[in-house]
Amino acid sequence: MPHALLVDDNVDTLDALATLVRGEGYTASTAPTVDRARAELRRQMPDVVLLDLNLPDGSGMNLLDAVGGLNAPAVVLITGHASVDTAVQALRHGVTDYLTKPLDIRRLREILGDIARTSQLPQELVALRESLDTSGRFGHLVGRSASMRRTCDLIARIAPSSASVLITGESGTGKDVVARTIHDLSRRRHSAFVPVNCGAISTGVMESELFGHERGSFTGADRRHKGYFERAHRGTLFLDEITEMPIELQVKLLRVLETGTFPRVGGEEAVAVDVRVLAASNRNVFEAMEQGKLREDLYYRLKVFELELPPLRERPDDVPPLVVHFLEDLEEKEGRRKDITEGTLRLLTEYAWPGNVRELRNVTHSAFILAGDTIEPEHLPREVHLGGDLPGRPDDGKVLRVCVGTSLADVERRMIVATLRQCDGNKTRAAELLGISLKTLYNRLNAYQQEDAGGEAVADGDARDQSVEAAAEQG
C-alpha cells in the first residue's frame, strides 16, 4: 500500500488531507513543521509528500533536499500564494506538481491516482541504469559514451517532474527519442504523448491545430475541433522545431504555459488543460532569438530544464551499440539474422556522421538490404569508406578526424589514404608529404588491399577497396 507524508501547520487541514489520502488507498503520516517532517522521512520514506510552502520553522522548499535522490518520492507543493516564479523554482527542485489553496480535490485525487499507479517508477529507473551499464541501453536510448551516460542521468532526474524541458541538438541526434523517453519515465506515461512538428504545419492552420477551433469559426469549420493541447491533456505535448512556430503563436503558447488555459479559435470560453510541454530545436536558440525566430520570454519559460544532445561524431563509442540495436530491429522485422564484420564496424565508427543517428540508421538499413549473411565494407556507401572527409565539409578534406583510442596502424592507414586523395592520386607527391619512400607507400597500399580482401588477391573494381583505390587511382 502506498504511503503519504502530509506536511502542513494547520491541524484541520492535516486531518482533512489524511482522510482524503486514506480514501485513495494510502497510509498516511503527518507533520506540522519542517523538523517533524524530516523525522518522519527518516522513519519511513513515503511514495508522495503533500507539502505546504509556508511552515512555522521555514519554507517547505527546505525539505526538498531531504527527499532527493533516485528513490525520491513524488512531491506535491501546496500554497495559498501562487506565482509562476514560485512554481518554476519548485519544479526546478523536482516537485511533481503544484496546487493552490483552496485545493481542487478532484485534481488532487487524480494526482494521487497517478502516483499510486507509478509508485514502481524508482525501481524501474534503477533497472534502466543497470541496463545502461550492462547493455548500453536506457529505455529507447542506446549508447555507452560518457556524454550519453550524463544525458541518461539527467533524464532520470527530470522525467518524474512536470517541468518543461527544452531539448537542443543537431538534426538527427535523437531529440524525439529523448522526448519519448522522458514521457515514458514520467508519471504521465499512462496518458497521451502527442508529438507535433512545428515545421511541418502551415502557418495558416497551426493555431487551429494546436488550440482547436469552434464550429463556424472559419469556412469549412463545420464542427468543434480539439487541438493538440486538448489531446495531450494529462499527458505530454512534444513541440519539435519550436523555432518554426510563428512568433504570434509563441505569445499564445507562453500564455498557456503560464495559465494552463486558452480559448479555441473562434471561441471565448477558456479551456483548461494539464499538459507537460517538451520542446526541441536543431537551431542555435540564441541566434534564433537574435533573428526574431524565438521569443526570449518563451525560451526561458521552456527551459526549466535544458538537454543538449551531442552530435554522434563526438561520441563514437555509441556507434557499435547503435548499429547492433538497428540490426536487431531489422532482424525482428525481416525475420532474418545478419552478422557484421569488425572491419565494417571500424569504418562506421571512424565516420563523422553529419546526419548523426538518423544517418547511421539509414546506412545500417541499406547495408542490411544489400548484404547476404554478413555485412561487409563493400555494403557501405562511398562516403563512409572515405572517412567523412569529403570536399565541401568545413575542413574541405584537409583535416583528418581520428577517434580517441584508434590504433596507430589505423591512423597510419587513414593518413595515407587522405594524403593520396589530397594529392589527386599522385603517389610520388603523397610519399614526399608523408615522409616515406615511394616503395614503402606501394607496400602499404598493397597490404591494405589484401587486408580488406581477407588476405586474398583483389580484383580491380572490388568495392571493398574503395577506401584505398578511390584515393590511389585518382588522376
Protein backbone atom coordinates (compact mmCIF):
# COMPACT_ATOMS: atom_id res chain seq x y z
CA MET A 1 0.00 0.00 0.00
CA PRO A 2 1.49 3.42 -0.94
CA HIS A 3 2.34 5.82 1.87
CA ALA A 4 1.81 9.61 2.02
CA LEU A 5 3.51 12.19 4.24
CA LEU A 6 1.34 15.27 4.85
CA VAL A 7 3.13 18.46 5.90
CA ASP A 8 1.02 21.47 6.95
CA ASP A 9 0.90 23.71 10.03
CA ASN A 10 -2.92 23.68 10.11
CA VAL A 11 -4.23 20.72 12.11
CA ASP A 12 -7.65 20.78 10.45
CA THR A 13 -6.02 20.71 7.01
CA LEU A 14 -3.85 17.75 8.06
CA ASP A 15 -6.89 15.83 9.29
CA ALA A 16 -8.81 16.52 6.07
CA LEU A 17 -5.85 15.52 3.90
CA ALA A 18 -5.29 12.34 5.91
CA THR A 19 -8.92 11.33 5.42
CA LEU A 20 -8.70 12.03 1.70
CA VAL A 21 -5.47 10.11 1.02
CA ARG A 22 -6.61 7.11 3.07
CA GLY A 23 -9.73 7.05 0.96
CA GLU A 24 -7.47 6.78 -2.09
CA GLY A 25 -5.74 3.68 -0.72
CA TYR A 26 -2.76 5.31 1.02
CA THR A 27 -1.45 5.06 4.54
CA ALA A 28 -0.64 8.48 5.99
CA SER A 29 1.61 10.22 8.48
CA THR A 30 1.51 13.93 9.33
CA ALA A 31 3.95 16.67 10.32
CA PRO A 32 3.24 20.35 11.20
CA THR A 33 6.84 21.58 10.77
CA VAL A 34 9.92 21.04 8.61
CA ASP A 35 11.80 19.40 11.51
CA ARG A 36 8.97 16.95 12.23
CA ALA A 37 8.74 16.16 8.53
CA ARG A 38 12.47 15.36 8.42
CA ALA A 39 11.98 12.98 11.33
CA GLU A 40 9.10 11.26 9.54
CA LEU A 41 11.22 10.89 6.40
CA ARG A 42 13.95 9.19 8.42
CA ARG A 43 11.38 6.84 9.88
CA GLN A 44 9.70 5.92 6.58
CA MET A 45 10.28 7.17 3.05
CA PRO A 46 6.82 7.82 1.53
CA ASP A 47 5.60 7.47 -2.04
CA VAL A 48 4.25 11.03 -2.02
CA VAL A 49 4.70 14.16 0.09
CA LEU A 50 1.91 16.76 0.20
CA LEU A 51 3.91 19.79 1.28
CA ASP A 52 2.71 23.23 2.38
CA LEU A 53 5.03 26.01 1.24
CA ASN A 54 4.77 28.18 4.38
CA LEU A 55 5.63 26.43 7.65
CA PRO A 56 6.45 27.79 11.15
CA ASP A 57 10.15 26.82 11.04
CA GLY A 58 10.86 27.65 7.41
CA SER A 59 9.78 27.15 3.82
CA GLY A 60 8.58 23.80 2.61
CA MET A 61 11.25 24.15 -0.09
CA ASN A 62 13.83 23.48 2.64
CA LEU A 63 12.52 19.93 2.88
CA LEU A 64 13.20 19.09 -0.75
CA ASP A 65 16.87 18.23 -0.19
CA ALA A 66 15.81 15.54 2.26
CA VAL A 67 13.61 13.82 -0.34
CA GLY A 68 16.08 13.95 -3.25
CA GLY A 69 17.84 11.06 -4.92
CA LEU A 70 16.91 8.26 -7.27
CA ASN A 71 14.27 6.76 -4.95
CA ALA A 72 12.76 10.15 -4.13
CA PRO A 73 9.01 10.31 -3.53
CA ALA A 74 6.67 12.45 -5.56
CA VAL A 75 6.24 15.91 -4.03
CA VAL A 76 3.06 17.95 -4.44
CA LEU A 77 3.58 21.53 -3.27
CA ILE A 78 0.57 23.31 -1.74
CA THR A 79 0.45 27.07 -1.27
CA GLY A 80 -2.02 29.87 -0.80
CA HIS A 81 0.20 32.32 -2.67
CA ALA A 82 0.64 31.13 -6.24
CA SER A 83 3.09 32.68 -8.67
CA VAL A 84 4.80 31.47 -11.83
CA ASP A 85 8.23 32.21 -10.30
CA THR A 86 7.48 30.07 -7.26
CA ALA A 87 6.13 27.28 -9.44
CA VAL A 88 9.21 27.30 -11.69
CA GLN A 89 11.51 27.32 -8.66
CA ALA A 90 9.62 24.39 -7.15
CA LEU A 91 9.71 22.40 -10.39
CA ARG A 92 13.45 23.02 -10.69
CA HIS A 93 13.81 21.35 -7.30
CA GLY A 94 12.00 18.26 -8.53
CA VAL A 95 8.45 18.99 -7.33
CA THR A 96 5.98 16.75 -9.16
CA ASP A 97 3.01 19.10 -9.10
CA TYR A 98 1.87 22.42 -7.72
CA LEU A 99 -1.57 23.16 -6.20
CA THR A 100 -3.03 26.34 -4.74
CA LYS A 101 -5.47 26.78 -1.87
CA PRO A 102 -8.37 26.22 -1.76
CA LEU A 103 -7.46 22.80 -3.09
CA ASP A 104 -9.06 21.30 -6.17
CA ILE A 105 -10.00 17.97 -4.55
CA ARG A 106 -10.75 16.27 -7.86
CA ARG A 107 -7.34 17.24 -9.21
CA LEU A 108 -5.62 16.06 -6.02
CA ARG A 109 -7.36 12.68 -6.31
CA GLU A 110 -6.17 12.39 -9.92
CA ILE A 111 -2.60 13.15 -8.85
CA LEU A 112 -2.73 10.57 -6.07
CA GLY A 113 -4.12 8.00 -8.50
CA ASP A 114 -1.32 8.65 -10.99
CA ILE A 115 1.31 8.37 -8.26
CA ALA A 116 -0.15 5.12 -6.96
CA ARG A 117 -0.07 3.64 -10.47
CA THR A 118 3.55 4.66 -10.96
CA SER A 119 4.92 4.01 -7.48
CA GLN A 120 7.22 1.41 -9.07
CA LEU A 121 8.94 4.10 -11.18
CA PRO A 122 12.05 4.49 -8.95
CA GLN A 123 12.69 0.76 -9.18
CA GLU A 124 12.33 0.97 -12.96
CA LEU A 125 14.90 3.77 -13.07
CA VAL A 126 17.33 1.64 -11.08
CA ALA A 127 16.78 -1.21 -13.54
CA LEU A 128 17.29 1.13 -16.50
CA ARG A 129 20.58 2.39 -15.10
CA GLU A 130 21.73 -1.17 -14.60
CA SER A 131 20.73 -1.88 -18.21
CA LEU A 132 22.79 1.13 -19.33
CA ASP A 133 25.82 -0.32 -17.55
CA THR A 134 25.42 -3.84 -18.93
CA SER A 135 23.93 -3.41 -22.41
CA GLY A 136 24.29 0.29 -23.23
CA ARG A 137 20.51 0.79 -23.29
CA PHE A 138 18.31 3.19 -21.33
CA GLY A 139 14.71 2.81 -22.41
CA HIS A 140 14.55 3.98 -26.04
CA LEU A 141 18.11 5.37 -25.84
CA VAL A 142 21.24 3.44 -26.81
CA GLY A 143 24.86 4.30 -26.02
CA ARG A 144 27.85 3.71 -23.77
CA SER A 145 29.71 7.02 -24.02
CA ALA A 146 30.26 9.32 -21.06
CA SER A 147 28.08 12.00 -22.67
CA MET A 148 25.22 9.53 -23.16
CA ARG A 149 25.52 8.43 -19.53
CA ARG A 150 25.27 12.05 -18.42
CA THR A 151 22.23 12.54 -20.66
CA CYS A 152 20.51 9.45 -19.26
CA ASP A 153 21.31 10.50 -15.70
CA LEU A 154 19.73 13.91 -16.28
CA ILE A 155 16.68 12.32 -17.91
CA ALA A 156 16.24 10.07 -14.88
CA ARG A 157 16.25 13.12 -12.63
CA ILE A 158 13.90 15.35 -14.59
CA ALA A 159 11.44 12.83 -16.05
CA PRO A 160 9.30 12.35 -12.89
CA SER A 161 8.55 16.09 -12.65
CA SER A 162 6.06 18.05 -14.73
CA ALA A 163 8.56 20.76 -15.65
CA SER A 164 9.05 21.92 -19.22
CA VAL A 165 12.19 20.71 -20.99
CA LEU A 166 13.99 22.25 -23.97
CA ILE A 167 15.94 19.68 -26.00
CA THR A 168 18.57 21.02 -28.38
CA GLY A 169 20.99 19.36 -30.76
CA GLU A 170 21.83 18.89 -34.41
CA SER A 171 19.34 17.30 -36.77
CA GLY A 172 19.29 13.53 -36.36
CA THR A 173 20.68 13.38 -32.82
CA GLY A 174 17.52 11.78 -31.45
CA LYS A 175 15.62 14.65 -29.81
CA ASP A 176 12.31 12.90 -30.47
CA VAL A 177 13.60 9.70 -28.84
CA VAL A 178 14.70 11.66 -25.78
CA ALA A 179 11.28 13.32 -25.54
CA ARG A 180 9.53 9.95 -25.72
CA THR A 181 11.86 8.53 -23.06
CA ILE A 182 11.12 11.45 -20.72
CA HIS A 183 7.39 10.85 -21.15
CA ASP A 184 7.68 7.10 -20.62
CA LEU A 185 9.60 7.65 -17.37
CA SER A 186 7.18 10.27 -16.06
CA ARG A 187 4.03 9.99 -14.02
CA ARG A 188 2.13 10.99 -17.15
CA ARG A 189 3.14 7.89 -19.09
CA HIS A 190 -0.35 6.36 -18.86
CA SER A 191 -1.71 9.39 -20.73
CA ALA A 192 -1.09 10.59 -24.28
CA PHE A 193 2.26 11.53 -25.79
CA VAL A 194 1.47 13.94 -28.63
CA PRO A 195 4.36 14.84 -30.97
CA VAL A 196 3.99 17.92 -33.18
CA ASN A 197 6.48 19.03 -35.84
CA CYS A 198 6.02 22.79 -35.95
CA GLY A 199 7.94 22.98 -39.21
CA ALA A 200 5.54 20.62 -40.97
CA ILE A 201 2.33 22.57 -40.29
CA SER A 202 1.43 25.52 -42.48
CA THR A 203 1.19 28.85 -40.70
CA GLY A 204 -2.46 29.30 -41.65
CA VAL A 205 -3.70 26.24 -39.79
CA MET A 206 -1.16 25.96 -36.97
CA GLU A 207 -3.23 27.87 -34.41
CA SER A 208 -6.26 25.67 -35.08
CA GLU A 209 -4.13 22.51 -34.92
CA LEU A 210 -2.58 23.50 -31.60
CA PHE A 211 -5.54 25.03 -29.80
CA GLY A 212 -8.56 23.70 -31.71
CA HIS A 213 -11.46 25.68 -33.12
CA GLU A 214 -15.17 26.18 -32.58
CA ARG A 215 -17.81 25.29 -35.11
CA GLY A 216 -18.31 28.08 -37.63
CA SER A 217 -15.08 29.86 -36.70
CA PHE A 218 -14.00 29.85 -40.35
CA THR A 219 -15.13 28.47 -43.71
CA GLY A 220 -15.21 24.69 -43.52
CA ALA A 221 -15.28 24.53 -39.72
CA ASP A 222 -18.50 22.51 -39.56
CA ARG A 223 -17.82 21.11 -36.09
CA ARG A 224 -15.77 21.75 -32.96
CA HIS A 225 -12.18 20.55 -33.28
CA LYS A 226 -9.91 19.60 -30.39
CA GLY A 227 -6.32 20.71 -30.91
CA TYR A 228 -3.09 19.08 -29.85
CA PHE A 229 -3.19 20.68 -26.40
CA GLU A 230 -6.56 19.15 -25.55
CA ARG A 231 -5.50 15.78 -26.95
CA ALA A 232 -2.44 15.88 -24.70
CA HIS A 233 -4.47 16.65 -21.54
CA ARG A 234 -2.89 14.93 -18.51
CA GLY A 235 -0.06 13.84 -20.81
CA THR A 236 2.89 15.29 -22.72
CA LEU A 237 2.98 17.59 -25.75
CA PHE A 238 6.24 17.49 -27.73
CA LEU A 239 6.77 20.57 -29.89
CA ASP A 240 9.58 19.73 -32.29
CA GLU A 241 11.30 22.56 -34.20
CA ILE A 242 9.82 25.16 -31.87
CA THR A 243 11.69 27.98 -33.67
CA GLU A 244 9.49 27.34 -36.74
CA MET A 245 6.37 28.37 -34.82
CA PRO A 246 5.10 31.82 -35.89
CA ILE A 247 6.04 34.48 -33.37
CA GLU A 248 2.39 35.47 -32.77
CA LEU A 249 1.57 31.90 -31.77
CA GLN A 250 4.55 31.85 -29.43
CA VAL A 251 2.78 34.58 -27.45
CA LYS A 252 -0.29 32.37 -27.05
CA LEU A 253 1.87 29.35 -26.19
CA LEU A 254 3.58 31.35 -23.44
CA ARG A 255 0.19 32.32 -22.02
CA VAL A 256 -0.92 28.68 -21.97
CA LEU A 257 2.27 27.62 -20.19
CA GLU A 258 1.71 30.27 -17.54
CA THR A 259 -2.05 29.90 -17.02
CA GLY A 260 -2.91 26.40 -18.24
CA THR A 261 -5.87 27.83 -20.17
CA PHE A 262 -6.63 29.07 -23.70
CA PRO A 263 -9.63 29.79 -25.94
CA ARG A 264 -10.19 27.75 -29.08
CA VAL A 265 -10.04 29.63 -32.37
CA GLY A 266 -13.38 31.41 -32.78
CA GLY A 267 -14.31 30.89 -29.13
CA GLU A 268 -14.23 32.88 -25.90
CA GLU A 269 -14.56 30.14 -23.29
CA ALA A 270 -11.29 29.31 -21.53
CA VAL A 271 -10.27 25.67 -21.95
CA ALA A 272 -8.22 24.35 -19.02
CA VAL A 273 -5.56 21.72 -19.69
CA ASP A 274 -2.89 19.95 -17.69
CA VAL A 275 -0.08 19.35 -20.16
CA ARG A 276 3.65 18.93 -19.80
CA VAL A 277 5.40 20.62 -22.71
CA LEU A 278 8.67 19.36 -24.15
CA ALA A 279 10.18 21.45 -26.94
CA ALA A 280 13.09 20.85 -29.30
CA SER A 281 15.17 22.72 -31.84
CA ASN A 282 18.13 21.90 -34.08
CA ARG A 283 18.99 25.59 -34.34
CA ASN A 284 21.19 27.73 -32.12
CA VAL A 285 18.46 29.14 -29.88
CA PHE A 286 20.39 32.33 -29.10
CA GLU A 287 20.77 33.06 -32.80
CA ALA A 288 17.07 32.31 -33.23
CA MET A 289 16.23 34.87 -30.55
CA GLU A 290 18.50 37.47 -32.16
CA GLN A 291 16.82 36.83 -35.53
CA GLY A 292 13.34 37.16 -34.04
CA LYS A 293 12.51 33.48 -34.58
CA LEU A 294 12.11 32.68 -30.87
CA ARG A 295 10.73 34.89 -28.12
CA GLU A 296 13.15 35.32 -25.25
CA ASP A 297 10.44 35.03 -22.60
CA LEU A 298 9.20 31.78 -24.16
CA TYR A 299 12.75 30.41 -24.25
CA TYR A 300 13.23 30.96 -20.53
CA ARG A 301 9.78 29.54 -19.78
CA LEU A 302 10.51 26.38 -21.78
CA LYS A 303 13.99 25.78 -20.43
CA VAL A 304 13.14 24.97 -16.84
CA PHE A 305 15.50 22.17 -17.81
CA GLU A 306 17.65 22.11 -20.94
CA LEU A 307 19.09 18.99 -22.55
CA GLU A 308 21.74 19.47 -25.20
CA LEU A 309 22.37 16.30 -27.21
CA PRO A 310 25.93 15.90 -28.52
CA PRO A 311 26.43 15.00 -32.20
CA LEU A 312 27.37 11.41 -32.96
CA ARG A 313 30.87 12.40 -34.11
CA GLU A 314 31.62 13.45 -30.52
CA ARG A 315 30.59 10.07 -29.09
CA PRO A 316 32.00 7.38 -31.42
CA ASP A 317 31.76 4.79 -28.64
CA ASP A 318 27.99 4.84 -29.19
CA VAL A 319 28.21 3.76 -32.84
CA PRO A 320 28.70 -0.02 -32.29
CA PRO A 321 25.80 -0.43 -29.80
CA LEU A 322 23.58 1.69 -32.05
CA VAL A 323 24.42 -0.49 -35.06
CA VAL A 324 23.65 -3.64 -33.06
CA HIS A 325 20.36 -2.08 -31.93
CA PHE A 326 19.35 -1.18 -35.50
CA LEU A 327 20.31 -4.65 -36.76
CA GLU A 328 18.22 -6.31 -34.06
CA ASP A 329 15.22 -4.21 -35.07
CA LEU A 330 15.73 -5.12 -38.72
CA GLU A 331 16.18 -8.80 -37.91
CA GLU A 332 12.91 -8.78 -35.99
CA LYS A 333 11.04 -7.09 -38.85
CA GLU A 334 12.62 -9.11 -41.66
CA GLY A 335 12.84 -12.44 -39.82
CA ARG A 336 16.47 -12.90 -40.80
CA ARG A 337 19.70 -12.56 -38.83
CA LYS A 338 22.81 -10.95 -40.33
CA ASP A 339 26.30 -10.57 -38.88
CA ILE A 340 28.64 -7.62 -39.31
CA THR A 341 32.43 -7.76 -39.58
CA GLU A 342 34.83 -5.90 -37.31
CA GLY A 343 36.22 -4.03 -40.30
CA THR A 344 32.77 -2.75 -41.16
CA LEU A 345 32.17 -1.59 -37.60
CA ARG A 346 35.55 0.13 -37.65
CA LEU A 347 34.62 2.11 -40.76
CA LEU A 348 31.27 3.05 -39.26
CA THR A 349 32.93 4.19 -36.03
CA GLU A 350 35.51 6.34 -37.83
CA TYR A 351 32.98 8.15 -40.00
CA ALA A 352 31.97 11.67 -38.90
CA TRP A 353 28.16 11.17 -39.32
CA PRO A 354 27.00 14.66 -40.35
CA GLY A 355 23.43 13.29 -40.29
CA ASN A 356 24.01 11.81 -36.83
CA VAL A 357 21.99 8.83 -35.56
CA ARG A 358 19.40 9.16 -38.32
CA GLU A 359 22.09 8.78 -40.98
CA LEU A 360 23.62 5.81 -39.15
CA ARG A 361 20.23 4.10 -39.03
CA ASN A 362 19.69 4.64 -42.75
CA VAL A 363 23.18 3.38 -43.66
CA THR A 364 22.66 0.30 -41.48
CA HIS A 365 19.30 -0.36 -43.13
CA SER A 366 20.81 -0.01 -46.61
CA ALA A 367 23.71 -2.34 -45.75
CA PHE A 368 21.28 -4.89 -44.29
CA ILE A 369 19.36 -4.98 -47.58
CA LEU A 370 22.48 -5.24 -49.75
CA ALA A 371 24.29 -7.88 -47.68
CA GLY A 372 23.89 -11.63 -47.73
CA ASP A 373 24.53 -13.30 -44.39
CA THR A 374 27.27 -10.85 -43.36
CA ILE A 375 27.53 -7.07 -43.69
CA GLU A 376 30.98 -6.16 -45.01
CA PRO A 377 32.70 -2.88 -46.02
CA GLU A 378 31.55 -3.29 -49.63
CA HIS A 379 27.96 -2.78 -48.48
CA LEU A 380 28.67 0.70 -47.11
CA PRO A 381 28.37 3.91 -49.16
CA ARG A 382 31.44 5.64 -50.57
CA GLU A 383 31.47 8.50 -48.07
CA VAL A 384 31.82 6.06 -45.17
CA HIS A 385 34.86 4.45 -46.83
CA LEU A 386 36.43 7.88 -47.20
CA GLY A 387 36.01 8.56 -43.51
CA GLY A 388 33.69 11.52 -43.92
CA ASP A 389 36.46 13.89 -45.06
CA LEU A 390 34.75 14.83 -48.32
CA PRO A 391 35.13 18.11 -50.24
CA GLY A 392 32.56 20.64 -49.16
CA ARG A 393 32.84 19.83 -45.46
CA PRO A 394 34.10 22.66 -43.22
CA ASP A 395 37.70 21.35 -43.37
CA ASP A 396 37.43 20.50 -47.13
CA GLY A 397 39.28 17.21 -46.52
CA LYS A 398 42.41 18.89 -45.14
CA VAL A 399 41.82 17.83 -41.54
CA LEU A 400 41.75 14.16 -40.61
CA ARG A 401 39.38 13.30 -37.77
CA VAL A 402 40.63 10.42 -35.62
CA CYS A 403 38.71 8.98 -32.69
CA VAL A 404 40.49 8.67 -29.36
CA GLY A 405 41.57 5.06 -28.91
CA THR A 406 42.13 4.40 -32.62
CA SER A 407 45.15 2.15 -33.17
CA LEU A 408 48.31 3.65 -34.68
CA ALA A 409 48.02 1.25 -37.62
CA ASP A 410 44.52 2.55 -38.39
CA VAL A 411 45.67 6.16 -38.00
CA GLU A 412 48.53 5.49 -40.45
CA ARG A 413 46.16 3.92 -42.96
CA ARG A 414 43.69 6.79 -42.82
CA MET A 415 46.51 9.34 -43.10
CA ILE A 416 47.93 7.64 -46.20
CA VAL A 417 44.53 7.40 -47.90
CA ALA A 418 43.64 11.02 -47.04
CA THR A 419 47.01 12.29 -48.29
CA LEU A 420 46.65 10.39 -51.58
CA ARG A 421 43.23 11.90 -52.04
CA GLN A 422 44.58 15.37 -51.29
CA CYS A 423 47.31 14.80 -53.91
CA ASP A 424 44.77 13.64 -56.52
CA GLY A 425 46.31 10.16 -56.51
CA ASN A 426 49.88 11.36 -57.19
CA LYS A 427 51.83 8.73 -55.24
CA THR A 428 55.21 10.46 -55.59
CA ARG A 429 53.85 13.70 -54.13
CA ALA A 430 51.97 11.81 -51.40
CA ALA A 431 55.12 9.91 -50.38
CA GLU A 432 57.02 13.20 -50.13
CA LEU A 433 54.35 14.76 -47.91
CA LEU A 434 54.21 11.66 -45.71
CA GLY A 435 58.00 11.49 -45.42
CA ILE A 436 58.22 7.90 -46.66
CA SER A 437 59.71 6.27 -49.75
CA LEU A 438 57.60 5.51 -52.81
CA LYS A 439 58.33 1.80 -52.29
CA THR A 440 57.02 1.99 -48.72
CA LEU A 441 53.85 3.67 -49.94
CA TYR A 442 53.24 0.93 -52.53
CA ASN A 443 53.86 -1.73 -49.89
CA ARG A 444 51.34 -0.09 -47.55
CA LEU A 445 48.68 0.18 -50.26
CA ASN A 446 49.15 -3.44 -51.26
CA ALA A 447 48.89 -4.52 -47.62
CA TYR A 448 45.66 -2.55 -47.15
CA GLN A 449 44.11 -4.14 -50.24
CA GLN A 450 45.00 -7.62 -49.00
CA GLU A 451 43.68 -6.78 -45.54
CA ASP A 452 40.33 -5.64 -46.93
CA ALA A 453 40.09 -8.78 -49.05
CA GLY A 454 40.84 -11.07 -46.12
CA GLY A 455 44.31 -11.94 -47.44
CA GLU A 456 43.14 -12.91 -50.94
CA ALA A 457 44.02 -11.30 -54.25
CA VAL A 458 41.89 -8.28 -55.01
CA ALA A 459 40.12 -7.86 -58.32
CA ASP A 460 40.05 -4.45 -59.96
CA GLY A 461 36.90 -2.55 -59.06
CA ASP A 462 36.21 -4.59 -55.91
CA ALA A 463 34.05 -2.24 -53.83
CA ARG A 464 35.79 -3.27 -50.64
CA ASP A 465 38.91 -1.43 -51.80
CA GLN A 466 37.19 1.91 -52.24
CA SER A 467 38.91 3.31 -49.15
CA VAL A 468 42.31 2.73 -50.81
CA GLU A 469 41.70 2.69 -54.56
CA ALA A 470 39.36 5.67 -54.65
CA ALA A 471 42.26 7.76 -53.40
CA ALA A 472 45.20 5.97 -55.06
CA GLU A 473 43.76 5.75 -58.57
CA GLN A 474 42.62 9.36 -58.97
CA GLY A 475 44.24 11.18 -61.90
